[in-house]
């Protein structure tokens, strides 16, 4: 599922997301201006981003800053290298894009395909 809006307020609820879903967020992710609420990362078993440094560089701060969810974020590179947990088949995985254009959706798709192939 790709969440790509310009909405400064949540447009989705975590309860709407089925287990095993991969969610990519492309829209606003700043405190006071985000297309999702904290219920979404709260429901996820894995939180991934393309750049931990960029997540910390937002002004106003990233919506996850100062929450327990911020400490759960792992880099996509670490997941791909096997240095961080991989998505659970029954869990929700959220990818917090920080601006690599359309490549983030492609990378997440490749990650999902890689994990699926490993489970066979």
PDB file of N, CA and C in Angstrom:
ATOM      1  N   UNK A   1       0.842  -1.162   0.000  1.00  0.00           N
ATOM      2  CA  UNK A   1       0.000   0.000   0.000  1.00  0.00           C
ATOM      3  C   UNK A   1       0.898   1.238   0.000  1.00  0.00           C
ATOM      4  N   UNK A   2       0.602   2.173  -0.853  1.00  0.00           N
ATOM      5  CA  UNK A   2       1.361   3.420  -0.893  1.00  0.00           C
ATOM      6  C   UNK A   2       0.467   4.544  -0.410  1.00  0.00           C
ATOM      7  N   UNK A   3       0.918   5.228   0.623  1.00  0.00           N
ATOM      8  CA  UNK A   3       0.201   6.359   1.192  1.00  0.00           C
ATOM      9  C   UNK A   3       0.890   7.618   0.674  1.00  0.00           C
ATOM     10  N   UNK A   4       0.323   8.209  -0.355  1.00  0.00           N
ATOM     11  CA  UNK A   4       0.945   9.351  -1.032  1.00  0.00           C
ATOM     12  C   UNK A   4      -0.066  10.475  -1.162  1.00  0.00           C
ATOM     13  N   UNK A   5      -0.106  11.325  -0.152  1.00  0.00           N
ATOM     14  CA  UNK A   5      -1.031  12.452  -0.159  1.00  0.00           C
ATOM     15  C   UNK A   5      -0.270  13.727   0.158  1.00  0.00           C
ATOM     16  N   UNK A   6      -0.945  14.830   0.048  1.00  0.00           N
ATOM     17  CA  UNK A   6      -0.385  16.100   0.509  1.00  0.00           C
ATOM     18  C   UNK A   6      -1.117  16.554   1.771  1.00  0.00           C
ATOM     19  N   UNK A   7      -1.905  15.657   2.345  1.00  0.00           N
ATOM     20  CA  UNK A   7      -2.716  15.999   3.507  1.00  0.00           C
ATOM     21  C   UNK A   7      -1.857  16.267   4.739  1.00  0.00           C
ATOM     22  N   UNK A   8      -2.120  17.368   5.434  1.00  0.00           N
ATOM     23  CA  UNK A   8      -1.402  17.654   6.674  1.00  0.00           C
ATOM     24  C   UNK A   8      -2.054  16.982   7.890  1.00  0.00           C
ATOM     25  N   UNK A   9      -3.134  16.242   7.663  1.00  0.00           N
ATOM     26  CA  UNK A   9      -3.830  15.538   8.747  1.00  0.00           C
ATOM     27  C   UNK A   9      -3.964  14.063   8.361  1.00  0.00           C
ATOM     28  N   UNK A  10      -4.060  13.180   9.356  1.00  0.00           N
ATOM     29  CA  UNK A  10      -4.170  11.750   9.059  1.00  0.00           C
ATOM     30  C   UNK A  10      -5.355  11.436   8.143  1.00  0.00           C
ATOM     31  N   UNK A  11      -5.094  10.569   7.167  1.00  0.00           N
ATOM     32  CA  UNK A  11      -6.127  10.132   6.226  1.00  0.00           C
ATOM     33  C   UNK A  11      -6.357   8.627   6.317  1.00  0.00           C
ATOM     34  N   UNK A  12      -5.692   7.973   7.247  1.00  0.00           N
ATOM     35  CA  UNK A  12      -5.767   6.522   7.382  1.00  0.00           C
ATOM     36  C   UNK A  12      -5.722   6.159   8.858  1.00  0.00           C
ATOM     37  N   UNK A  13      -6.353   5.055   9.179  1.00  0.00           N
ATOM     38  CA  UNK A  13      -6.313   4.544  10.551  1.00  0.00           C
ATOM     39  C   UNK A  13      -5.627   3.191  10.545  1.00  0.00           C
ATOM     40  N   UNK A  14      -4.853   2.931  11.578  1.00  0.00           N
ATOM     41  CA  UNK A  14      -4.130   1.668  11.665  1.00  0.00           C
ATOM     42  C   UNK A  14      -5.079   0.473  11.618  1.00  0.00           C
ATOM     43  N   UNK A  15      -6.268   0.616  12.154  1.00  0.00           N
ATOM     44  CA  UNK A  15      -7.239  -0.482  12.178  1.00  0.00           C
ATOM     45  C   UNK A  15      -7.648  -0.921  10.776  1.00  0.00           C
ATOM     46  N   UNK A  16      -7.435  -0.090   9.786  1.00  0.00           N
ATOM     47  CA  UNK A  16      -7.798  -0.424   8.404  1.00  0.00           C
ATOM     48  C   UNK A  16      -6.753  -1.306   7.719  1.00  0.00           C
ATOM     49  N   UNK A  17      -5.590  -1.450   8.326  1.00  0.00           N
ATOM     50  CA  UNK A  17      -4.467  -2.139   7.694  1.00  0.00           C
ATOM     51  C   UNK A  17      -4.431  -3.607   8.145  1.00  0.00           C
ATOM     52  N   UNK A  18      -4.450  -4.505   7.183  1.00  0.00           N
ATOM     53  CA  UNK A  18      -4.425  -5.944   7.472  1.00  0.00           C
ATOM     54  C   UNK A  18      -3.015  -6.409   7.825  1.00  0.00           C
ATOM     55  N   UNK A  19      -2.908  -7.425   8.676  1.00  0.00           N
ATOM     56  CA  UNK A  19      -1.595  -8.016   8.956  1.00  0.00           C
ATOM     57  C   UNK A  19      -0.934  -8.466   7.651  1.00  0.00           C
ATOM     58  N   UNK A  20       0.371  -8.321   7.590  1.00  0.00           N
ATOM     59  CA  UNK A  20       1.113  -8.699   6.397  1.00  0.00           C
ATOM     60  C   UNK A  20       1.229  -7.599   5.359  1.00  0.00           C
ATOM     61  N   UNK A  21       0.698  -6.414   5.670  1.00  0.00           N
ATOM     62  CA  UNK A  21       0.718  -5.306   4.721  1.00  0.00           C
ATOM     63  C   UNK A  21       2.010  -4.502   4.843  1.00  0.00           C
ATOM     64  N   UNK A  22       2.527  -4.089   3.689  1.00  0.00           N
ATOM     65  CA  UNK A  22       3.645  -3.154   3.622  1.00  0.00           C
ATOM     66  C   UNK A  22       3.054  -1.798   3.280  1.00  0.00           C
ATOM     67  N   UNK A  23       3.372  -0.791   4.079  1.00  0.00           N
ATOM     68  CA  UNK A  23       2.873   0.563   3.852  1.00  0.00           C
ATOM     69  C   UNK A  23       4.075   1.456   3.574  1.00  0.00           C
ATOM     70  N   UNK A  24       4.028   2.200   2.483  1.00  0.00           N
ATOM     71  CA  UNK A  24       5.047   3.200   2.174  1.00  0.00           C
ATOM     72  C   UNK A  24       4.409   4.565   2.321  1.00  0.00           C
ATOM     73  N   UNK A  25       5.001   5.418   3.146  1.00  0.00           N
ATOM     74  CA  UNK A  25       4.498   6.780   3.315  1.00  0.00           C
ATOM     75  C   UNK A  25       5.346   7.710   2.466  1.00  0.00           C
ATOM     76  N   UNK A  26       4.681   8.502   1.644  1.00  0.00           N
ATOM     77  CA  UNK A  26       5.383   9.446   0.781  1.00  0.00           C
ATOM     78  C   UNK A  26       5.055  10.891   1.125  1.00  0.00           C
ATOM     79  N   UNK A  27       3.934  11.112   1.770  1.00  0.00           N
ATOM     80  CA  UNK A  27       3.474  12.464   2.067  1.00  0.00           C
ATOM     81  C   UNK A  27       4.095  13.038   3.331  1.00  0.00           C
ATOM     82  N   UNK A  28       3.487  14.093   3.847  1.00  0.00           N
ATOM     83  CA  UNK A  28       4.035  14.804   5.015  1.00  0.00           C
ATOM     84  C   UNK A  28       4.247  13.909   6.228  1.00  0.00           C
ATOM     85  N   UNK A  29       5.374  14.138   6.910  1.00  0.00           N
ATOM     86  CA  UNK A  29       5.726  13.359   8.093  1.00  0.00           C
ATOM     87  C   UNK A  29       6.266  14.241   9.215  1.00  0.00           C
ATOM     88  N   UNK A  30       5.811  15.462   9.302  1.00  0.00           N
ATOM     89  CA  UNK A  30       6.315  16.352  10.332  1.00  0.00           C
ATOM     90  C   UNK A  30       5.293  16.509  11.456  1.00  0.00           C
ATOM     91  N   UNK A  31       5.809  16.745  12.659  1.00  0.00           N
ATOM     92  CA  UNK A  31       4.931  16.950  13.814  1.00  0.00           C
ATOM     93  C   UNK A  31       3.951  18.075  13.486  1.00  0.00           C
ATOM     94  N   UNK A  32       2.658  17.791  13.672  1.00  0.00           N
ATOM     95  CA  UNK A  32       1.629  18.771  13.374  1.00  0.00           C
ATOM     96  C   UNK A  32       1.229  18.803  11.910  1.00  0.00           C
ATOM     97  N   UNK A  33       1.872  17.973  11.096  1.00  0.00           N
ATOM     98  CA  UNK A  33       1.591  17.933   9.656  1.00  0.00           C
ATOM     99  C   UNK A  33       2.002  16.559   9.119  1.00  0.00           C
ATOM    100  N   UNK A  34       1.065  15.600   9.228  1.00  0.00           N
ATOM    101  CA  UNK A  34       1.383  14.249   8.767  1.00  0.00           C
ATOM    102  C   UNK A  34       0.132  13.572   8.227  1.00  0.00           C
ATOM    103  N   UNK A  35       0.319  12.762   7.196  1.00  0.00           N
ATOM    104  CA  UNK A  35      -0.794  12.070   6.563  1.00  0.00           C
ATOM    105  C   UNK A  35      -1.243  10.841   7.349  1.00  0.00           C
ATOM    106  N   UNK A  36      -0.551  10.529   8.444  1.00  0.00           N
ATOM    107  CA  UNK A  36      -0.904   9.394   9.299  1.00  0.00           C
ATOM    108  C   UNK A  36      -0.744   9.805  10.754  1.00  0.00           C
ATOM    109  N   UNK A  37      -1.457   9.105  11.635  1.00  0.00           N
ATOM    110  CA  UNK A  37      -1.332   9.352  13.068  1.00  0.00           C
ATOM    111  C   UNK A  37      -0.364   8.359  13.691  1.00  0.00           C
ATOM    112  N   UNK A  38      -0.065   8.555  14.947  1.00  0.00           N
ATOM    113  CA  UNK A  38       0.872   7.672  15.633  1.00  0.00           C
ATOM    114  C   UNK A  38       0.313   6.274  15.853  1.00  0.00           C
ATOM    115  N   UNK A  39      -0.998   6.083  15.607  1.00  0.00           N
ATOM    116  CA  UNK A  39      -1.549   4.729  15.699  1.00  0.00           C
ATOM    117  C   UNK A  39      -0.960   3.822  14.629  1.00  0.00           C
ATOM    118  N   UNK A  40      -0.592   4.375  13.484  1.00  0.00           N
ATOM    119  CA  UNK A  40      -0.045   3.566  12.399  1.00  0.00           C
ATOM    120  C   UNK A  40       1.316   2.974  12.768  1.00  0.00           C
ATOM    121  N   UNK A  41       2.313   3.766  13.167  1.00  0.00           N
ATOM    122  CA  UNK A  41       3.570   3.142  13.583  1.00  0.00           C
ATOM    123  C   UNK A  41       3.397   2.297  14.844  1.00  0.00           C
ATOM    124  N   UNK A  42       2.423   2.636  15.670  1.00  0.00           N
ATOM    125  CA  UNK A  42       2.165   1.841  16.867  1.00  0.00           C
ATOM    126  C   UNK A  42       1.698   0.435  16.535  1.00  0.00           C
ATOM    127  N   UNK A  43       1.016   0.272  15.423  1.00  0.00           N
ATOM    128  CA  UNK A  43       0.507  -1.041  15.015  1.00  0.00           C
ATOM    129  C   UNK A  43       1.524  -1.855  14.233  1.00  0.00           C
ATOM    130  N   UNK A  44       2.611  -1.226  13.824  1.00  0.00           N
ATOM    131  CA  UNK A  44       3.595  -1.892  12.967  1.00  0.00           C
ATOM    132  C   UNK A  44       4.576  -2.738  13.770  1.00  0.00           C
ATOM    133  N   UNK A  45       4.993  -3.835  13.160  1.00  0.00           N
ATOM    134  CA  UNK A  45       6.028  -4.666  13.769  1.00  0.00           C
ATOM    135  C   UNK A  45       7.420  -4.241  13.312  1.00  0.00           C
ATOM    136  N   UNK A  46       7.484  -3.491  12.191  1.00  0.00           N
ATOM    137  CA  UNK A  46       8.775  -3.033  11.678  1.00  0.00           C
ATOM    138  C   UNK A  46       8.617  -1.647  11.075  1.00  0.00           C
ATOM    139  N   UNK A  47       9.509  -0.739  11.457  1.00  0.00           N
ATOM    140  CA  UNK A  47       9.529   0.633  10.943  1.00  0.00           C
ATOM    141  C   UNK A  47      10.866   0.845  10.237  1.00  0.00           C
ATOM    142  N   UNK A  48      10.798   1.177   8.956  1.00  0.00           N
ATOM    143  CA  UNK A  48      11.998   1.279   8.117  1.00  0.00           C
ATOM    144  C   UNK A  48      12.030   2.649   7.455  1.00  0.00           C
ATOM    145  N   UNK A  49      13.229   3.188   7.265  1.00  0.00           N
ATOM    146  CA  UNK A  49      13.391   4.436   6.532  1.00  0.00           C
ATOM    147  C   UNK A  49      14.610   4.340   5.621  1.00  0.00           C
ATOM    148  N   UNK A  50      14.636   5.175   4.604  1.00  0.00           N
ATOM    149  CA  UNK A  50      15.786   5.191   3.709  1.00  0.00           C
ATOM    150  C   UNK A  50      16.943   5.994   4.280  1.00  0.00           C
ATOM    151  N   UNK A  51      16.689   6.864   5.250  1.00  0.00           N
ATOM    152  CA  UNK A  51      17.776   7.650   5.840  1.00  0.00           C
ATOM    153  C   UNK A  51      17.432   8.056   7.267  1.00  0.00           C
ATOM    154  N   UNK A  52      18.105   7.426   8.215  1.00  0.00           N
ATOM    155  CA  UNK A  52      17.908   7.799   9.624  1.00  0.00           C
ATOM    156  C   UNK A  52      18.355   9.242   9.858  1.00  0.00           C
ATOM    157  N   UNK A  53      19.415   9.657   9.176  1.00  0.00           N
ATOM    158  CA  UNK A  53      19.903  11.034   9.332  1.00  0.00           C
ATOM    159  C   UNK A  53      18.861  12.049   8.873  1.00  0.00           C
ATOM    160  N   UNK A  54      18.229  11.795   7.727  1.00  0.00           N
ATOM    161  CA  UNK A  54      17.226  12.734   7.236  1.00  0.00           C
ATOM    162  C   UNK A  54      15.993  12.765   8.146  1.00  0.00           C
ATOM    163  N   UNK A  55      15.627  11.622   8.712  1.00  0.00           N
ATOM    164  CA  UNK A  55      14.489  11.595   9.645  1.00  0.00           C
ATOM    165  C   UNK A  55      14.758  12.578  10.783  1.00  0.00           C
ATOM    166  N   UNK A  56      15.996  12.633  11.242  1.00  0.00           N
ATOM    167  CA  UNK A  56      16.351  13.524  12.343  1.00  0.00           C
ATOM    168  C   UNK A  56      16.557  14.966  11.939  1.00  0.00           C
ATOM    169  N   UNK A  57      16.544  15.255  10.642  1.00  0.00           N
ATOM    170  CA  UNK A  57      16.834  16.608  10.170  1.00  0.00           C
ATOM    171  C   UNK A  57      15.595  17.431   9.835  1.00  0.00           C
ATOM    172  N   UNK A  58      14.416  16.886  10.000  1.00  0.00           N
ATOM    173  CA  UNK A  58      13.193  17.632   9.677  1.00  0.00           C
ATOM    174  C   UNK A  58      13.019  18.837  10.596  1.00  0.00           C
ATOM    175  N   UNK A  59      12.484  19.908  10.037  1.00  0.00           N
ATOM    176  CA  UNK A  59      12.075  21.061  10.844  1.00  0.00           C
ATOM    177  C   UNK A  59      10.773  21.584  10.258  1.00  0.00           C
ATOM    178  N   UNK A  60       9.667  21.547  10.989  1.00  0.00           N
ATOM    179  CA  UNK A  60       9.517  20.969  12.328  1.00  0.00           C
ATOM    180  C   UNK A  60       9.906  19.493  12.339  1.00  0.00           C
ATOM    181  N   UNK A  61      10.137  18.953  13.550  1.00  0.00           N
ATOM    182  CA  UNK A  61      10.627  17.572  13.676  1.00  0.00           C
ATOM    183  C   UNK A  61       9.700  16.543  13.028  1.00  0.00           C
ATOM    184  N   UNK A  62      10.299  15.428  12.679  1.00  0.00           N
ATOM    185  CA  UNK A  62       9.549  14.288  12.170  1.00  0.00           C
ATOM    186  C   UNK A  62       8.492  13.899  13.192  1.00  0.00           C
ATOM    187  N   UNK A  63       7.354  13.417  12.711  1.00  0.00           N
ATOM    188  CA  UNK A  63       6.238  13.058  13.581  1.00  0.00           C
ATOM    189  C   UNK A  63       6.635  11.995  14.613  1.00  0.00           C
ATOM    190  N   UNK A  64       7.645  11.199  14.325  1.00  0.00           N
ATOM    191  CA  UNK A  64       8.083  10.161  15.261  1.00  0.00           C
ATOM    192  C   UNK A  64       9.060  10.674  16.318  1.00  0.00           C
ATOM    193  N   UNK A  65       9.628  11.854  16.107  1.00  0.00           N
ATOM    194  CA  UNK A  65      10.614  12.405  17.051  1.00  0.00           C
ATOM    195  C   UNK A  65      10.002  12.523  18.447  1.00  0.00           C
ATOM    196  N   UNK A  66      10.756  12.057  19.422  1.00  0.00           N
ATOM    197  CA  UNK A  66      10.304  12.142  20.802  1.00  0.00           C
ATOM    198  C   UNK A  66       9.294  11.086  21.205  1.00  0.00           C
ATOM    199  N   UNK A  67       9.029  10.136  20.316  1.00  0.00           N
ATOM    200  CA  UNK A  67       8.112   9.043  20.640  1.00  0.00           C
ATOM    201  C   UNK A  67       8.916   7.744  20.727  1.00  0.00           C
ATOM    202  N   UNK A  68       8.362   6.722  21.365  1.00  0.00           N
ATOM    203  CA  UNK A  68       9.057   5.425  21.394  1.00  0.00           C
ATOM    204  C   UNK A  68       9.254   4.835  19.994  1.00  0.00           C
ATOM    205  N   UNK A  69       8.426   5.241  19.052  1.00  0.00           N
ATOM    206  CA  UNK A  69       8.533   4.720  17.691  1.00  0.00           C
ATOM    207  C   UNK A  69       9.830   5.147  17.021  1.00  0.00           C
ATOM    208  N   UNK A  70      10.332   6.322  17.355  1.00  0.00           N
ATOM    209  CA  UNK A  70      11.567   6.819  16.738  1.00  0.00           C
ATOM    210  C   UNK A  70      12.725   5.857  16.985  1.00  0.00           C
ATOM    211  N   UNK A  71      12.785   5.295  18.188  1.00  0.00           N
ATOM    212  CA  UNK A  71      13.859   4.365  18.528  1.00  0.00           C
ATOM    213  C   UNK A  71      13.726   3.031  17.802  1.00  0.00           C
ATOM    214  N   UNK A  72      12.554   2.742  17.270  1.00  0.00           N
ATOM    215  CA  UNK A  72      12.307   1.477  16.558  1.00  0.00           C
ATOM    216  C   UNK A  72      12.674   1.550  15.074  1.00  0.00           C
ATOM    217  N   UNK A  73      12.914   2.755  14.563  1.00  0.00           N
ATOM    218  CA  UNK A  73      13.242   2.922  13.141  1.00  0.00           C
ATOM    219  C   UNK A  73      14.577   2.268  12.803  1.00  0.00           C
ATOM    220  N   UNK A  74      14.593   1.545  11.698  1.00  0.00           N
ATOM    221  CA  UNK A  74      15.831   0.955  11.197  1.00  0.00           C
ATOM    222  C   UNK A  74      16.006   1.383   9.747  1.00  0.00           C
ATOM    223  N   UNK A  75      17.232   1.362   9.279  1.00  0.00           N
ATOM    224  CA  UNK A  75      17.480   1.772   7.894  1.00  0.00           C
ATOM    225  C   UNK A  75      17.172   0.622   6.938  1.00  0.00           C
ATOM    226  N   UNK A  76      16.713   0.990   5.765  1.00  0.00           N
ATOM    227  CA  UNK A  76      16.424   0.008   4.726  1.00  0.00           C
ATOM    228  C   UNK A  76      17.697  -0.766   4.374  1.00  0.00           C
ATOM    229  N   UNK A  77      18.819  -0.077   4.334  1.00  0.00           N
ATOM    230  CA  UNK A  77      20.086  -0.742   4.040  1.00  0.00           C
ATOM    231  C   UNK A  77      20.424  -1.812   5.068  1.00  0.00           C
ATOM    232  N   UNK A  78      20.137  -1.541   6.352  1.00  0.00           N
ATOM    233  CA  UNK A  78      20.419  -2.523   7.403  1.00  0.00           C
ATOM    234  C   UNK A  78      19.511  -3.744   7.270  1.00  0.00           C
ATOM    235  N   UNK A  79      18.265  -3.515   6.890  1.00  0.00           N
ATOM    236  CA  UNK A  79      17.348  -4.648   6.684  1.00  0.00           C
ATOM    237  C   UNK A  79      17.850  -5.491   5.525  1.00  0.00           C
ATOM    238  N   UNK A  80      18.180  -4.827   4.436  1.00  0.00           N
ATOM    239  CA  UNK A  80      18.632  -5.536   3.232  1.00  0.00           C
ATOM    240  C   UNK A  80      19.926  -6.297   3.477  1.00  0.00           C
ATOM    241  N   UNK A  81      20.809  -5.749   4.321  1.00  0.00           N
ATOM    242  CA  UNK A  81      22.092  -6.392   4.613  1.00  0.00           C
ATOM    243  C   UNK A  81      21.967  -7.484   5.672  1.00  0.00           C
ATOM    244  N   UNK A  82      20.774  -7.666   6.228  1.00  0.00           N
ATOM    245  CA  UNK A  82      20.575  -8.676   7.261  1.00  0.00           C
ATOM    246  C   UNK A  82      21.032  -8.233   8.632  1.00  0.00           C
ATOM    247  N   UNK A  83      21.240  -6.932   8.808  1.00  0.00           N
ATOM    248  CA  UNK A  83      21.702  -6.382  10.086  1.00  0.00           C
ATOM    249  C   UNK A  83      20.551  -5.921  10.965  1.00  0.00           C
ATOM    250  N   UNK A  84      19.347  -5.982  10.458  1.00  0.00           N
ATOM    251  CA  UNK A  84      18.147  -5.574  11.191  1.00  0.00           C
ATOM    252  C   UNK A  84      17.060  -6.607  10.892  1.00  0.00           C
ATOM    253  N   UNK A  85      16.024  -6.632  11.711  1.00  0.00           N
ATOM    254  CA  UNK A  85      14.956  -7.610  11.477  1.00  0.00           C
ATOM    255  C   UNK A  85      14.330  -7.446  10.103  1.00  0.00           C
ATOM    256  N   UNK A  86      13.825  -8.538   9.580  1.00  0.00           N
ATOM    257  CA  UNK A  86      13.079  -8.501   8.330  1.00  0.00           C
ATOM    258  C   UNK A  86      11.590  -8.458   8.650  1.00  0.00           C
ATOM    259  N   UNK A  87      10.783  -8.020   7.711  1.00  0.00           N
ATOM    260  CA  UNK A  87       9.342  -7.959   7.947  1.00  0.00           C
ATOM    261  C   UNK A  87       8.769  -9.333   8.293  1.00  0.00           C
ATOM    262  N   UNK A  88       7.842  -9.335   9.237  1.00  0.00           N
ATOM    263  CA  UNK A  88       7.134 -10.564   9.596  1.00  0.00           C
ATOM    264  C   UNK A  88       5.962 -10.757   8.643  1.00  0.00           C
ATOM    265  N   UNK A  89       5.684 -11.988   8.305  1.00  0.00           N
ATOM    266  CA  UNK A  89       4.578 -12.285   7.385  1.00  0.00           C
ATOM    267  C   UNK A  89       3.239 -11.841   7.970  1.00  0.00           C
ATOM    268  N   UNK A  90       3.113 -11.869   9.289  1.00  0.00           N
ATOM    269  CA  UNK A  90       1.856 -11.495   9.930  1.00  0.00           C
ATOM    270  C   UNK A  90       1.886 -10.086  10.514  1.00  0.00           C
ATOM    271  N   UNK A  91       2.958  -9.353  10.267  1.00  0.00           N
ATOM    272  CA  UNK A  91       3.088  -8.010  10.819  1.00  0.00           C
ATOM    273  C   UNK A  91       2.865  -6.935   9.777  1.00  0.00           C
ATOM    274  N   UNK A  92       2.758  -5.719  10.243  1.00  0.00           N
ATOM    275  CA  UNK A  92       2.658  -4.553   9.366  1.00  0.00           C
ATOM    276  C   UNK A  92       4.044  -3.923   9.317  1.00  0.00           C
ATOM    277  N   UNK A  93       4.521  -3.663   8.111  1.00  0.00           N
ATOM    278  CA  UNK A  93       5.802  -2.994   7.913  1.00  0.00           C
ATOM    279  C   UNK A  93       5.519  -1.624   7.321  1.00  0.00           C
ATOM    280  N   UNK A  94       6.141  -0.604   7.898  1.00  0.00           N
ATOM    281  CA  UNK A  94       5.956   0.747   7.384  1.00  0.00           C
ATOM    282  C   UNK A  94       7.311   1.293   6.937  1.00  0.00           C
ATOM    283  N   UNK A  95       7.332   1.792   5.706  1.00  0.00           N
ATOM    284  CA  UNK A  95       8.521   2.420   5.155  1.00  0.00           C
ATOM    285  C   UNK A  95       8.288   3.924   5.146  1.00  0.00           C
ATOM    286  N   UNK A  96       9.092   4.657   5.884  1.00  0.00           N
ATOM    287  CA  UNK A  96       8.998   6.114   5.971  1.00  0.00           C
ATOM    288  C   UNK A  96       9.979   6.729   4.986  1.00  0.00           C
ATOM    289  N   UNK A  97       9.506   7.013   3.796  1.00  0.00           N
ATOM    290  CA  UNK A  97      10.337   7.620   2.775  1.00  0.00           C
ATOM    291  C   UNK A  97      10.712   9.041   3.195  1.00  0.00           C
ATOM    292  N   UNK A  98      11.964   9.382   2.944  1.00  0.00           N
ATOM    293  CA  UNK A  98      12.383  10.757   3.226  1.00  0.00           C
ATOM    294  C   UNK A  98      12.894  11.467   1.983  1.00  0.00           C
ATOM    295  N   UNK A  99      12.541  10.962   0.817  1.00  0.00           N
ATOM    296  CA  UNK A  99      12.798  11.755  -0.366  1.00  0.00           C
ATOM    297  C   UNK A  99      13.691  11.198  -1.435  1.00  0.00           C
ATOM    298  N   UNK A 100      13.646   9.938  -1.691  1.00  0.00           N
ATOM    299  CA  UNK A 100      14.413   9.390  -2.795  1.00  0.00           C
ATOM    300  C   UNK A 100      13.530   9.237  -4.029  1.00  0.00           C
ATOM    301  N   UNK A 101      12.636  10.167  -4.215  1.00  0.00           N
ATOM    302  CA  UNK A 101      11.696  10.174  -5.346  1.00  0.00           C
ATOM    303  C   UNK A 101      10.894   8.895  -5.383  1.00  0.00           C
ATOM    304  N   UNK A 102      10.760   8.253  -6.524  1.00  0.00           N
ATOM    305  CA  UNK A 102       9.954   7.044  -6.637  1.00  0.00           C
ATOM    306  C   UNK A 102      10.714   5.770  -6.329  1.00  0.00           C
ATOM    307  N   UNK A 103      11.998   5.885  -6.045  1.00  0.00           N
ATOM    308  CA  UNK A 103      12.785   4.674  -5.827  1.00  0.00           C
ATOM    309  C   UNK A 103      12.393   3.944  -4.558  1.00  0.00           C
ATOM    310  N   UNK A 104      11.846   4.650  -3.586  1.00  0.00           N
ATOM    311  CA  UNK A 104      11.519   3.977  -2.330  1.00  0.00           C
ATOM    312  C   UNK A 104      10.470   2.891  -2.515  1.00  0.00           C
ATOM    313  N   UNK A 105       9.482   3.139  -3.337  1.00  0.00           N
ATOM    314  CA  UNK A 105       8.463   2.104  -3.584  1.00  0.00           C
ATOM    315  C   UNK A 105       9.097   0.911  -4.301  1.00  0.00           C
ATOM    316  N   UNK A 106       9.977   1.170  -5.260  1.00  0.00           N
ATOM    317  CA  UNK A 106      10.674   0.100  -5.961  1.00  0.00           C
ATOM    318  C   UNK A 106      11.536  -0.705  -4.995  1.00  0.00           C
ATOM    319  N   UNK A 107      12.293  -0.018  -4.135  1.00  0.00           N
ATOM    320  CA  UNK A 107      13.161  -0.712  -3.190  1.00  0.00           C
ATOM    321  C   UNK A 107      12.367  -1.570  -2.226  1.00  0.00           C
ATOM    322  N   UNK A 108      11.259  -1.069  -1.728  1.00  0.00           N
ATOM    323  CA  UNK A 108      10.443  -1.844  -0.814  1.00  0.00           C
ATOM    324  C   UNK A 108       9.873  -3.069  -1.517  1.00  0.00           C
ATOM    325  N   UNK A 109       9.471  -2.922  -2.774  1.00  0.00           N
ATOM    326  CA  UNK A 109       8.975  -4.054  -3.546  1.00  0.00           C
ATOM    327  C   UNK A 109      10.063  -5.109  -3.694  1.00  0.00           C
ATOM    328  N   UNK A 110      11.282  -4.677  -3.989  1.00  0.00           N
ATOM    329  CA  UNK A 110      12.398  -5.619  -4.135  1.00  0.00           C
ATOM    330  C   UNK A 110      12.698  -6.305  -2.810  1.00  0.00           C
ATOM    331  N   UNK A 111      12.633  -5.561  -1.702  1.00  0.00           N
ATOM    332  CA  UNK A 111      12.860  -6.140  -0.382  1.00  0.00           C
ATOM    333  C   UNK A 111      11.813  -7.211  -0.100  1.00  0.00           C
ATOM    334  N   UNK A 112      10.568  -6.908  -0.391  1.00  0.00           N
ATOM    335  CA  UNK A 112       9.493  -7.883  -0.166  1.00  0.00           C
ATOM    336  C   UNK A 112       9.715  -9.131  -1.012  1.00  0.00           C
ATOM    337  N   UNK A 113      10.112  -8.964  -2.270  1.00  0.00           N
ATOM    338  CA  UNK A 113      10.362 -10.105  -3.150  1.00  0.00           C
ATOM    339  C   UNK A 113      11.542 -10.938  -2.647  1.00  0.00           C
ATOM    340  N   UNK A 114      12.563 -10.281  -2.150  1.00  0.00           N
ATOM    341  CA  UNK A 114      13.734 -10.975  -1.622  1.00  0.00           C
ATOM    342  C   UNK A 114      13.353 -11.821  -0.409  1.00  0.00           C
ATOM    343  N   UNK A 115      12.592 -11.248   0.489  1.00  0.00           N
ATOM    344  CA  UNK A 115      12.185 -11.972   1.699  1.00  0.00           C
ATOM    345  C   UNK A 115      11.273 -13.136   1.333  1.00  0.00           C
ATOM    346  N   UNK A 116      10.364 -12.920   0.402  1.00  0.00           N
ATOM    347  CA  UNK A 116       9.468 -13.989  -0.040  1.00  0.00           C
ATOM    348  C   UNK A 116      10.274 -15.140  -0.629  1.00  0.00           C
ATOM    349  N   UNK A 117      11.270 -14.830  -1.425  1.00  0.00           N
ATOM    350  CA  UNK A 117      12.113 -15.869  -2.028  1.00  0.00           C
ATOM    351  C   UNK A 117      12.891 -16.633  -0.977  1.00  0.00           C
ATOM    352  N   UNK A 118      13.334 -15.968   0.072  1.00  0.00           N
ATOM    353  CA  UNK A 118      14.088 -16.642   1.147  1.00  0.00           C
ATOM    354  C   UNK A 118      13.203 -17.595   1.930  1.00  0.00           C
ATOM    355  N   UNK A 119      11.931 -17.315   2.016  1.00  0.00           N
ATOM    356  CA  UNK A 119      11.016 -18.152   2.804  1.00  0.00           C
ATOM    357  C   UNK A 119      10.589 -19.408   2.065  1.00  0.00           C
ATOM    358  N   UNK A 120      10.881 -19.496   0.800  1.00  0.00           N
ATOM    359  CA  UNK A 120      10.483 -20.682   0.014  1.00  0.00           C
ATOM    360  C   UNK A 120      11.374 -21.853   0.298  1.00  0.00           C
TER     361      UNK A 120
END
